[in-house]
Amino acid sequence: MVTAMNGIEKHAAFYRAYLADDRSLASVVGILMTAIMVWLLFYLVSIVGPVREQSAARPSPRASVAVSAPAHR
């Protein structure tokens, strides 16, 4: 019985080597969260980014065409 347990322990030690280590998971999670936060920052900045403001003295081209065009009835 002792030899059977010794064999099982050898196999268990072999497969235990392929398990993810908690320390390696923490670094992967940290890198992933940093990448997501940088992406989110760029996304939010692009939404809020520079907005074109049209001056009141110069109407948009479409509005001027609509105002200057004669009415057809």
PDB file of N, CA and C in Angstrom:
ATOM      1  N   MET A   1       0.822  -1.193   0.000  1.00  0.00           N
ATOM      2  CA  MET A   1       0.000   0.000   0.000  1.00  0.00           C
ATOM      3  C   MET A   1       0.864   1.253   0.000  1.00  0.00           C
ATOM      4  N   VAL A   2       2.027   1.159   0.633  1.00  0.00           N
ATOM      5  CA  VAL A   2       2.914   2.314   0.699  1.00  0.00           C
ATOM      6  C   VAL A   2       3.446   2.660  -0.695  1.00  0.00           C
ATOM      7  N   THR A   3       3.737   1.635  -1.481  1.00  0.00           N
ATOM      8  CA  THR A   3       4.276   1.895  -2.819  1.00  0.00           C
ATOM      9  C   THR A   3       3.218   2.505  -3.733  1.00  0.00           C
ATOM     10  N   ALA A   4       1.947   2.108  -3.557  1.00  0.00           N
ATOM     11  CA  ALA A   4       0.876   2.690  -4.374  1.00  0.00           C
ATOM     12  C   ALA A   4       0.702   4.166  -4.050  1.00  0.00           C
ATOM     13  N   MET A   5       0.764   4.516  -2.793  1.00  0.00           N
ATOM     14  CA  MET A   5       0.639   5.923  -2.390  1.00  0.00           C
ATOM     15  C   MET A   5       1.827   6.736  -2.891  1.00  0.00           C
ATOM     16  N   ASN A   6       2.995   6.126  -2.895  1.00  0.00           N
ATOM     17  CA  ASN A   6       4.185   6.814  -3.365  1.00  0.00           C
ATOM     18  C   ASN A   6       4.036   7.141  -4.854  1.00  0.00           C
ATOM     19  N   GLY A   7       3.467   6.213  -5.627  1.00  0.00           N
ATOM     20  CA  GLY A   7       3.242   6.444  -7.056  1.00  0.00           C
ATOM     21  C   GLY A   7       2.228   7.546  -7.294  1.00  0.00           C
ATOM     22  N   ILE A   8       1.155   7.544  -6.502  1.00  0.00           N
ATOM     23  CA  ILE A   8       0.124   8.584  -6.622  1.00  0.00           C
ATOM     24  C   ILE A   8       0.716   9.952  -6.274  1.00  0.00           C
ATOM     25  N   GLU A   9       1.535  10.007  -5.244  1.00  0.00           N
ATOM     26  CA  GLU A   9       2.155  11.284  -4.864  1.00  0.00           C
ATOM     27  C   GLU A   9       3.088  11.798  -5.949  1.00  0.00           C
ATOM     28  N   LYS A  10       3.780  10.890  -6.639  1.00  0.00           N
ATOM     29  CA  LYS A  10       4.657  11.308  -7.730  1.00  0.00           C
ATOM     30  C   LYS A  10       3.837  11.921  -8.868  1.00  0.00           C
ATOM     31  N   HIS A  11       2.713  11.267  -9.202  1.00  0.00           N
ATOM     32  CA  HIS A  11       1.850  11.800 -10.260  1.00  0.00           C
ATOM     33  C   HIS A  11       1.232  13.128  -9.836  1.00  0.00           C
ATOM     34  N   ALA A  12       0.821  13.211  -8.591  1.00  0.00           N
ATOM     35  CA  ALA A  12       0.227  14.455  -8.115  1.00  0.00           C
ATOM     36  C   ALA A  12       1.245  15.590  -8.150  1.00  0.00           C
ATOM     37  N   ALA A  13       2.472  15.305  -7.789  1.00  0.00           N
ATOM     38  CA  ALA A  13       3.515  16.337  -7.834  1.00  0.00           C
ATOM     39  C   ALA A  13       3.790  16.751  -9.270  1.00  0.00           C
ATOM     40  N   PHE A  14       3.705  15.793 -10.206  1.00  0.00           N
ATOM     41  CA  PHE A  14       3.932  16.114 -11.620  1.00  0.00           C
ATOM     42  C   PHE A  14       2.845  17.058 -12.125  1.00  0.00           C
ATOM     43  N   TYR A  15       1.583  16.795 -11.816  1.00  0.00           N
ATOM     44  CA  TYR A  15       0.490  17.636 -12.295  1.00  0.00           C
ATOM     45  C   TYR A  15       0.400  18.956 -11.523  1.00  0.00           C
ATOM     46  N   ARG A  16       0.839  18.953 -10.284  1.00  0.00           N
ATOM     47  CA  ARG A  16       0.841  20.180  -9.495  1.00  0.00           C
ATOM     48  C   ARG A  16       1.770  21.227 -10.110  1.00  0.00           C
ATOM     49  N   ALA A  17       2.767  20.780 -10.830  1.00  0.00           N
ATOM     50  CA  ALA A  17       3.703  21.713 -11.467  1.00  0.00           C
ATOM     51  C   ALA A  17       3.022  22.504 -12.573  1.00  0.00           C
ATOM     52  N   TYR A  18       1.931  21.981 -13.163  1.00  0.00           N
ATOM     53  CA  TYR A  18       1.231  22.680 -14.235  1.00  0.00           C
ATOM     54  C   TYR A  18       0.122  23.592 -13.748  1.00  0.00           C
ATOM     55  N   LEU A  19      -0.158  23.579 -12.459  1.00  0.00           N
ATOM     56  CA  LEU A  19      -1.194  24.471 -11.929  1.00  0.00           C
ATOM     57  C   LEU A  19      -0.686  25.910 -11.932  1.00  0.00           C
ATOM     58  N   ALA A  20      -1.611  26.828 -12.138  1.00  0.00           N
ATOM     59  CA  ALA A  20      -1.237  28.240 -12.138  1.00  0.00           C
ATOM     60  C   ALA A  20      -0.886  28.672 -10.718  1.00  0.00           C
ATOM     61  N   ASP A  21       0.166  29.395 -10.602  1.00  0.00           N
ATOM     62  CA  ASP A  21       0.591  29.909  -9.308  1.00  0.00           C
ATOM     63  C   ASP A  21      -0.186  31.183  -9.018  1.00  0.00           C
ATOM     64  N   ASP A  22      -0.564  31.397  -7.768  1.00  0.00           N
ATOM     65  CA  ASP A  22      -1.325  32.594  -7.403  1.00  0.00           C
ATOM     66  C   ASP A  22      -0.557  33.866  -7.724  1.00  0.00           C
ATOM     67  N   ARG A  23       0.743  33.843  -7.546  1.00  0.00           N
ATOM     68  CA  ARG A  23       1.538  35.038  -7.824  1.00  0.00           C
ATOM     69  C   ARG A  23       1.515  35.368  -9.309  1.00  0.00           C
ATOM     70  N   SER A  24       1.554  34.374 -10.168  1.00  0.00           N
ATOM     71  CA  SER A  24       1.525  34.652 -11.602  1.00  0.00           C
ATOM     72  C   SER A  24       0.142  35.148 -12.016  1.00  0.00           C
ATOM     73  N   LEU A  25      -0.915  34.660 -11.388  1.00  0.00           N
ATOM     74  CA  LEU A  25      -2.255  35.149 -11.692  1.00  0.00           C
ATOM     75  C   LEU A  25      -2.421  36.604 -11.281  1.00  0.00           C
ATOM     76  N   ALA A  26      -1.833  36.996 -10.176  1.00  0.00           N
ATOM     77  CA  ALA A  26      -1.945  38.380  -9.726  1.00  0.00           C
ATOM     78  C   ALA A  26      -1.295  39.325 -10.727  1.00  0.00           C
ATOM     79  N   SER A  27      -0.167  38.945 -11.285  1.00  0.00           N
ATOM     80  CA  SER A  27       0.481  39.821 -12.249  1.00  0.00           C
ATOM     81  C   SER A  27      -0.303  39.877 -13.553  1.00  0.00           C
ATOM     82  N   VAL A  28      -0.877  38.771 -13.980  1.00  0.00           N
ATOM     83  CA  VAL A  28      -1.687  38.766 -15.199  1.00  0.00           C
ATOM     84  C   VAL A  28      -2.933  39.616 -15.018  1.00  0.00           C
ATOM     85  N   VAL A  29      -3.576  39.493 -13.879  1.00  0.00           N
ATOM     86  CA  VAL A  29      -4.761  40.303 -13.598  1.00  0.00           C
ATOM     87  C   VAL A  29      -4.384  41.782 -13.544  1.00  0.00           C
ATOM     88  N   GLY A  30      -3.266  42.095 -12.948  1.00  0.00           N
ATOM     89  CA  GLY A  30      -2.821  43.488 -12.886  1.00  0.00           C
ATOM     90  C   GLY A  30      -2.558  44.080 -14.259  1.00  0.00           C
ATOM     91  N   ILE A  31      -1.901  43.323 -15.116  1.00  0.00           N
ATOM     92  CA  ILE A  31      -1.626  43.799 -16.475  1.00  0.00           C
ATOM     93  C   ILE A  31      -2.924  43.938 -17.264  1.00  0.00           C
ATOM     94  N   LEU A  32      -3.817  42.976 -17.121  1.00  0.00           N
ATOM     95  CA  LEU A  32      -5.093  43.034 -17.827  1.00  0.00           C
ATOM     96  C   LEU A  32      -5.926  44.228 -17.372  1.00  0.00           C
ATOM     97  N   MET A  33      -5.988  44.474 -16.088  1.00  0.00           N
ATOM     98  CA  MET A  33      -6.753  45.611 -15.570  1.00  0.00           C
ATOM     99  C   MET A  33      -6.140  46.938 -16.023  1.00  0.00           C
ATOM    100  N   THR A  34      -4.821  47.011 -16.064  1.00  0.00           N
ATOM    101  CA  THR A  34      -4.162  48.230 -16.536  1.00  0.00           C
ATOM    102  C   THR A  34      -4.502  48.482 -17.996  1.00  0.00           C
ATOM    103  N   ALA A  35      -4.479  47.439 -18.811  1.00  0.00           N
ATOM    104  CA  ALA A  35      -4.808  47.590 -20.229  1.00  0.00           C
ATOM    105  C   ALA A  35      -6.257  48.029 -20.410  1.00  0.00           C
ATOM    106  N   ILE A  36      -7.159  47.469 -19.630  1.00  0.00           N
ATOM    107  CA  ILE A  36      -8.569  47.857 -19.723  1.00  0.00           C
ATOM    108  C   ILE A  36      -8.760  49.298 -19.281  1.00  0.00           C
ATOM    109  N   MET A  37      -8.092  49.717 -18.233  1.00  0.00           N
ATOM    110  CA  MET A  37      -8.231  51.089 -17.756  1.00  0.00           C
ATOM    111  C   MET A  37      -7.672  52.091 -18.762  1.00  0.00           C
ATOM    112  N   VAL A  38      -6.561  51.762 -19.404  1.00  0.00           N
ATOM    113  CA  VAL A  38      -5.991  52.660 -20.423  1.00  0.00           C
ATOM    114  C   VAL A  38      -6.942  52.749 -21.610  1.00  0.00           C
ATOM    115  N   TRP A  39      -7.506  51.620 -22.034  1.00  0.00           N
ATOM    116  CA  TRP A  39      -8.468  51.634 -23.137  1.00  0.00           C
ATOM    117  C   TRP A  39      -9.688  52.465 -22.766  1.00  0.00           C
ATOM    118  N   LEU A  40     -10.203  52.300 -21.560  1.00  0.00           N
ATOM    119  CA  LEU A  40     -11.370  53.052 -21.111  1.00  0.00           C
ATOM    120  C   LEU A  40     -11.073  54.542 -21.044  1.00  0.00           C
ATOM    121  N   LEU A  41      -9.881  54.894 -20.600  1.00  0.00           N
ATOM    122  CA  LEU A  41      -9.496  56.302 -20.552  1.00  0.00           C
ATOM    123  C   LEU A  41      -9.491  56.904 -21.948  1.00  0.00           C
ATOM    124  N   PHE A  42      -8.858  56.227 -22.905  1.00  0.00           N
ATOM    125  CA  PHE A  42      -8.838  56.733 -24.281  1.00  0.00           C
ATOM    126  C   PHE A  42     -10.245  56.799 -24.872  1.00  0.00           C
ATOM    127  N   TYR A  43     -11.065  55.835 -24.563  1.00  0.00           N
ATOM    128  CA  TYR A  43     -12.432  55.824 -25.074  1.00  0.00           C
ATOM    129  C   TYR A  43     -13.222  57.014 -24.535  1.00  0.00           C
ATOM    130  N   LEU A  44     -13.131  57.247 -23.249  1.00  0.00           N
ATOM    131  CA  LEU A  44     -13.883  58.359 -22.658  1.00  0.00           C
ATOM    132  C   LEU A  44     -13.353  59.710 -23.125  1.00  0.00           C
ATOM    133  N   VAL A  45     -12.044  59.824 -23.293  1.00  0.00           N
ATOM    134  CA  VAL A  45     -11.476  61.076 -23.784  1.00  0.00           C
ATOM    135  C   VAL A  45     -11.922  61.314 -25.222  1.00  0.00           C
ATOM    136  N   SER A  46     -12.018  60.274 -26.024  1.00  0.00           N
ATOM    137  CA  SER A  46     -12.453  60.459 -27.413  1.00  0.00           C
ATOM    138  C   SER A  46     -13.919  60.875 -27.485  1.00  0.00           C
ATOM    139  N   ILE A  47     -14.726  60.445 -26.533  1.00  0.00           N
ATOM    140  CA  ILE A  47     -16.130  60.860 -26.510  1.00  0.00           C
ATOM    141  C   ILE A  47     -16.242  62.335 -26.134  1.00  0.00           C
ATOM    142  N   VAL A  48     -15.491  62.747 -25.138  1.00  0.00           N
ATOM    143  CA  VAL A  48     -15.573  64.110 -24.631  1.00  0.00           C
ATOM    144  C   VAL A  48     -14.741  65.062 -25.484  1.00  0.00           C
ATOM    145  N   GLY A  49     -13.873  64.533 -26.312  1.00  0.00           N
ATOM    146  CA  GLY A  49     -12.915  65.281 -27.125  1.00  0.00           C
ATOM    147  C   GLY A  49     -13.404  66.617 -27.661  1.00  0.00           C
ATOM    148  N   PRO A  50     -12.616  67.259 -28.502  1.00  0.00           N
ATOM    149  CA  PRO A  50     -12.958  68.589 -28.991  1.00  0.00           C
ATOM    150  C   PRO A  50     -14.247  68.569 -29.811  1.00  0.00           C
ATOM    151  N   VAL A  51     -15.118  69.518 -29.486  1.00  0.00           N
ATOM    152  CA  VAL A  51     -16.392  69.640 -30.171  1.00  0.00           C
ATOM    153  C   VAL A  51     -16.313  70.857 -31.081  1.00  0.00           C
ATOM    154  N   ARG A  52     -16.732  70.685 -32.325  1.00  0.00           N
ATOM    155  CA  ARG A  52     -16.730  71.822 -33.240  1.00  0.00           C
ATOM    156  C   ARG A  52     -17.856  72.768 -32.861  1.00  0.00           C
ATOM    157  N   GLU A  53     -17.509  74.001 -32.679  1.00  0.00           N
ATOM    158  CA  GLU A  53     -18.514  75.014 -32.382  1.00  0.00           C
ATOM    159  C   GLU A  53     -18.679  75.893 -33.606  1.00  0.00           C
ATOM    160  N   GLN A  54     -19.898  76.055 -34.042  1.00  0.00           N
ATOM    161  CA  GLN A  54     -20.160  76.914 -35.185  1.00  0.00           C
ATOM    162  C   GLN A  54     -20.480  78.306 -34.669  1.00  0.00           C
ATOM    163  N   SER A  55     -19.877  79.287 -35.295  1.00  0.00           N
ATOM    164  CA  SER A  55     -20.124  80.654 -34.855  1.00  0.00           C
ATOM    165  C   SER A  55     -21.514  81.080 -35.308  1.00  0.00           C
ATOM    166  N   ALA A  56     -22.125  81.979 -34.572  1.00  0.00           N
ATOM    167  CA  ALA A  56     -23.464  82.456 -34.893  1.00  0.00           C
ATOM    168  C   ALA A  56     -23.444  83.319 -36.154  1.00  0.00           C
ATOM    169  N   ALA A  57     -22.317  83.961 -36.466  1.00  0.00           N
ATOM    170  CA  ALA A  57     -22.224  84.819 -37.645  1.00  0.00           C
ATOM    171  C   ALA A  57     -22.177  83.997 -38.927  1.00  0.00           C
ATOM    172  N   ARG A  58     -21.676  82.806 -38.880  1.00  0.00           N
ATOM    173  CA  ARG A  58     -21.549  81.989 -40.082  1.00  0.00           C
ATOM    174  C   ARG A  58     -22.437  80.757 -39.948  1.00  0.00           C
ATOM    175  N   PRO A  59     -23.615  80.766 -40.568  1.00  0.00           N
ATOM    176  CA  PRO A  59     -24.483  79.589 -40.465  1.00  0.00           C
ATOM    177  C   PRO A  59     -23.919  78.425 -41.256  1.00  0.00           C
ATOM    178  N   SER A  60     -24.422  77.262 -40.981  1.00  0.00           N
ATOM    179  CA  SER A  60     -23.930  76.079 -41.670  1.00  0.00           C
ATOM    180  C   SER A  60     -24.324  76.126 -43.136  1.00  0.00           C
ATOM    181  N   PRO A  61     -23.590  75.437 -44.022  1.00  0.00           N
ATOM    182  CA  PRO A  61     -23.903  75.469 -45.458  1.00  0.00           C
ATOM    183  C   PRO A  61     -25.301  74.944 -45.778  1.00  0.00           C
ATOM    184  N   ARG A  62     -25.752  73.969 -45.084  1.00  0.00           N
ATOM    185  CA  ARG A  62     -27.082  73.426 -45.363  1.00  0.00           C
ATOM    186  C   ARG A  62     -28.169  74.433 -45.021  1.00  0.00           C
ATOM    187  N   ALA A  63     -28.000  75.151 -43.920  1.00  0.00           N
ATOM    188  CA  ALA A  63     -29.001  76.140 -43.527  1.00  0.00           C
ATOM    189  C   ALA A  63     -29.042  77.278 -44.543  1.00  0.00           C
ATOM    190  N   SER A  64     -27.899  77.700 -45.056  1.00  0.00           N
ATOM    191  CA  SER A  64     -27.887  78.803 -46.006  1.00  0.00           C
ATOM    192  C   SER A  64     -28.521  78.386 -47.332  1.00  0.00           C
ATOM    193  N   VAL A  65     -28.330  77.128 -47.724  1.00  0.00           N
ATOM    194  CA  VAL A  65     -28.951  76.657 -48.965  1.00  0.00           C
ATOM    195  C   VAL A  65     -30.469  76.604 -48.791  1.00  0.00           C
ATOM    196  N   ALA A  66     -30.913  76.146 -47.638  1.00  0.00           N
ATOM    197  CA  ALA A  66     -32.340  76.041 -47.405  1.00  0.00           C
ATOM    198  C   ALA A  66     -32.987  77.413 -47.341  1.00  0.00           C
ATOM    199  N   VAL A  67     -32.310  78.402 -46.789  1.00  0.00           N
ATOM    200  CA  VAL A  67     -32.868  79.747 -46.653  1.00  0.00           C
ATOM    201  C   VAL A  67     -32.849  80.475 -47.992  1.00  0.00           C
ATOM    202  N   SER A  68     -31.797  80.310 -48.777  1.00  0.00           N
ATOM    203  CA  SER A  68     -31.662  81.054 -50.012  1.00  0.00           C
ATOM    204  C   SER A  68     -32.390  80.411 -51.178  1.00  0.00           C
ATOM    205  N   ALA A  69     -32.822  79.193 -51.068  1.00  0.00           N
ATOM    206  CA  ALA A  69     -33.502  78.528 -52.165  1.00  0.00           C
ATOM    207  C   ALA A  69     -34.939  79.026 -52.266  1.00  0.00           C
ATOM    208  N   PRO A  70     -35.396  79.260 -53.473  1.00  0.00           N
ATOM    209  CA  PRO A  70     -36.791  79.705 -53.629  1.00  0.00           C
ATOM    210  C   PRO A  70     -37.761  78.567 -53.312  1.00  0.00           C
ATOM    211  N   ALA A  71     -38.902  78.944 -52.820  1.00  0.00           N
ATOM    212  CA  ALA A  71     -39.903  77.940 -52.465  1.00  0.00           C
ATOM    213  C   ALA A  71     -40.642  77.494 -53.713  1.00  0.00           C
ATOM    214  N   HIS A  72     -40.782  76.221 -53.910  1.00  0.00           N
ATOM    215  CA  HIS A  72     -41.493  75.659 -55.063  1.00  0.00           C
ATOM    216  C   HIS A  72     -42.857  75.174 -54.576  1.00  0.00           C
ATOM    217  N   ARG A  73     -43.902  75.652 -55.266  1.00  0.00           N
ATOM    218  CA  ARG A  73     -45.247  75.205 -54.885  1.00  0.00           C
ATOM    219  C   ARG A  73     -45.962  74.563 -56.002  1.00  0.00           C
TER     220      ARG A  73
END
